[in-house]
Protein backbone atom coordinates (compact mmCIF):
# COMPACT_ATOMS: atom_id res chain seq x y z
CA MET A 1 6.67 -6.52 15.08
CA SER A 2 3.25 -5.34 13.97
CA SER A 3 1.50 -7.44 11.36
CA ALA A 4 -0.01 -4.35 9.70
CA PHE A 5 2.22 -2.59 7.17
CA ASP A 6 1.97 1.21 7.32
CA TYR A 7 1.74 2.43 3.73
CA ARG A 8 1.67 6.03 5.07
CA ALA A 9 5.10 5.86 6.75
CA PRO A 10 8.04 7.66 5.08
CA ALA A 11 10.25 5.36 3.03
CA GLU A 12 13.61 5.17 1.30
CA LEU A 13 14.28 3.20 -1.87
CA PHE A 14 17.84 1.96 -2.41
CA PRO A 15 18.94 0.75 -5.84
CA SER A 16 20.85 -2.48 -6.19
CA ARG A 17 24.59 -2.14 -5.68
CA GLY A 18 27.08 -2.79 -8.42
CA ARG A 19 24.77 -1.78 -11.24
CA LYS A 20 25.12 1.36 -13.29
CA THR A 21 22.62 3.86 -11.99
CA ASN A 22 21.05 6.84 -13.59
CA ARG A 23 18.81 9.50 -12.11
CA GLN A 24 15.78 7.21 -12.31
CA MET A 25 17.51 4.40 -10.40
CA ALA A 26 19.32 6.45 -7.74
CA TYR A 27 18.51 6.45 -4.01
CA ARG A 28 15.25 8.26 -3.32
CA ARG A 29 13.19 9.28 -0.32
CA PHE A 30 9.41 9.25 -0.47
CA PRO A 31 6.83 10.84 1.84
CA THR A 32 4.95 7.53 1.97
CA ALA A 33 5.84 3.88 1.51
CA ALA A 34 2.92 3.54 -0.92
CA GLU A 35 4.51 6.11 -3.26
CA ALA A 36 7.89 4.37 -3.03
CA ILE A 37 6.33 0.99 -3.78
CA ARG A 38 4.38 2.33 -6.75
CA PHE A 39 7.51 4.00 -8.13
CA ALA A 40 9.57 0.83 -7.71
CA ILE A 41 7.03 -1.36 -9.49
CA GLU A 42 5.72 1.02 -12.15
CA GLU A 43 8.78 3.13 -12.99
CA LEU A 44 11.93 1.10 -12.38
CA PRO A 45 13.05 -1.43 -14.96
CA ASP A 46 12.96 -5.01 -13.66
CA SER A 47 16.76 -5.11 -13.77
CA ALA A 48 16.93 -2.12 -11.40
CA LEU A 49 14.32 -3.55 -9.03
CA LEU A 50 16.24 -6.80 -8.71
CA GLY A 51 18.58 -6.30 -5.75
CA ALA A 52 16.97 -3.05 -4.65
CA TYR A 53 15.36 -2.68 -1.25
CA LEU A 54 12.83 -0.49 0.50
CA GLN A 55 13.49 0.83 4.01
CA VAL A 56 10.39 1.69 6.06
CA GLU A 57 11.12 2.61 9.65
CA ASP A 58 13.31 -0.26 10.95
CA ALA A 59 12.23 -2.81 8.35
CA ARG A 60 13.79 -3.65 4.98
CA PHE A 61 11.88 -5.16 2.07
CA ASP A 62 13.51 -6.84 -0.93
CA CYS A 63 12.07 -6.88 -4.47
CA VAL A 64 9.86 -9.89 -3.72
CA ALA A 65 8.36 -8.17 -0.68
CA ILE A 66 7.93 -4.90 -2.61
CA ARG A 67 5.94 -6.76 -5.29
CA ARG A 68 3.83 -8.44 -2.60
CA LEU A 69 3.05 -5.09 -0.93
CA TYR A 70 2.09 -3.60 -4.31
CA GLY A 71 -0.19 -6.55 -5.06
CA SER A 72 -1.89 -6.46 -1.67
CA GLU A 73 -5.58 -5.57 -1.54
CA LYS A 74 -4.55 -3.04 1.14
CA PHE A 75 -2.34 -1.07 -1.28
CA PRO A 76 -3.93 2.41 -1.04
CA LEU A 77 -2.98 3.98 -4.39
CA LYS A 78 -4.39 3.50 -7.85
CA ARG A 79 -2.29 1.04 -9.83
CA LYS A 80 -1.16 1.60 -13.40
CA VAL A 81 -3.39 -0.25 -15.85
CA ALA A 82 -1.49 -3.04 -17.61
CA ALA A 83 -1.03 -2.41 -21.32
């Protein structure tokens, strides 16, 4: 497995199972993992992120890993400014 995460790879975001979902928390595909990660962290409520996972190629990332990827200095997108 490569040690470098490809933020440009297509990604799928799966909501946690067993929770009520709405349009915002439903399964979504993204053209890049970076966009999926930003959406998960900046748009999903914490309760929806808990138990969700990100699929990038053959790898799965849980909410802890998604937060770590978002916080990485290698994250290529502009982050939302904290209020």
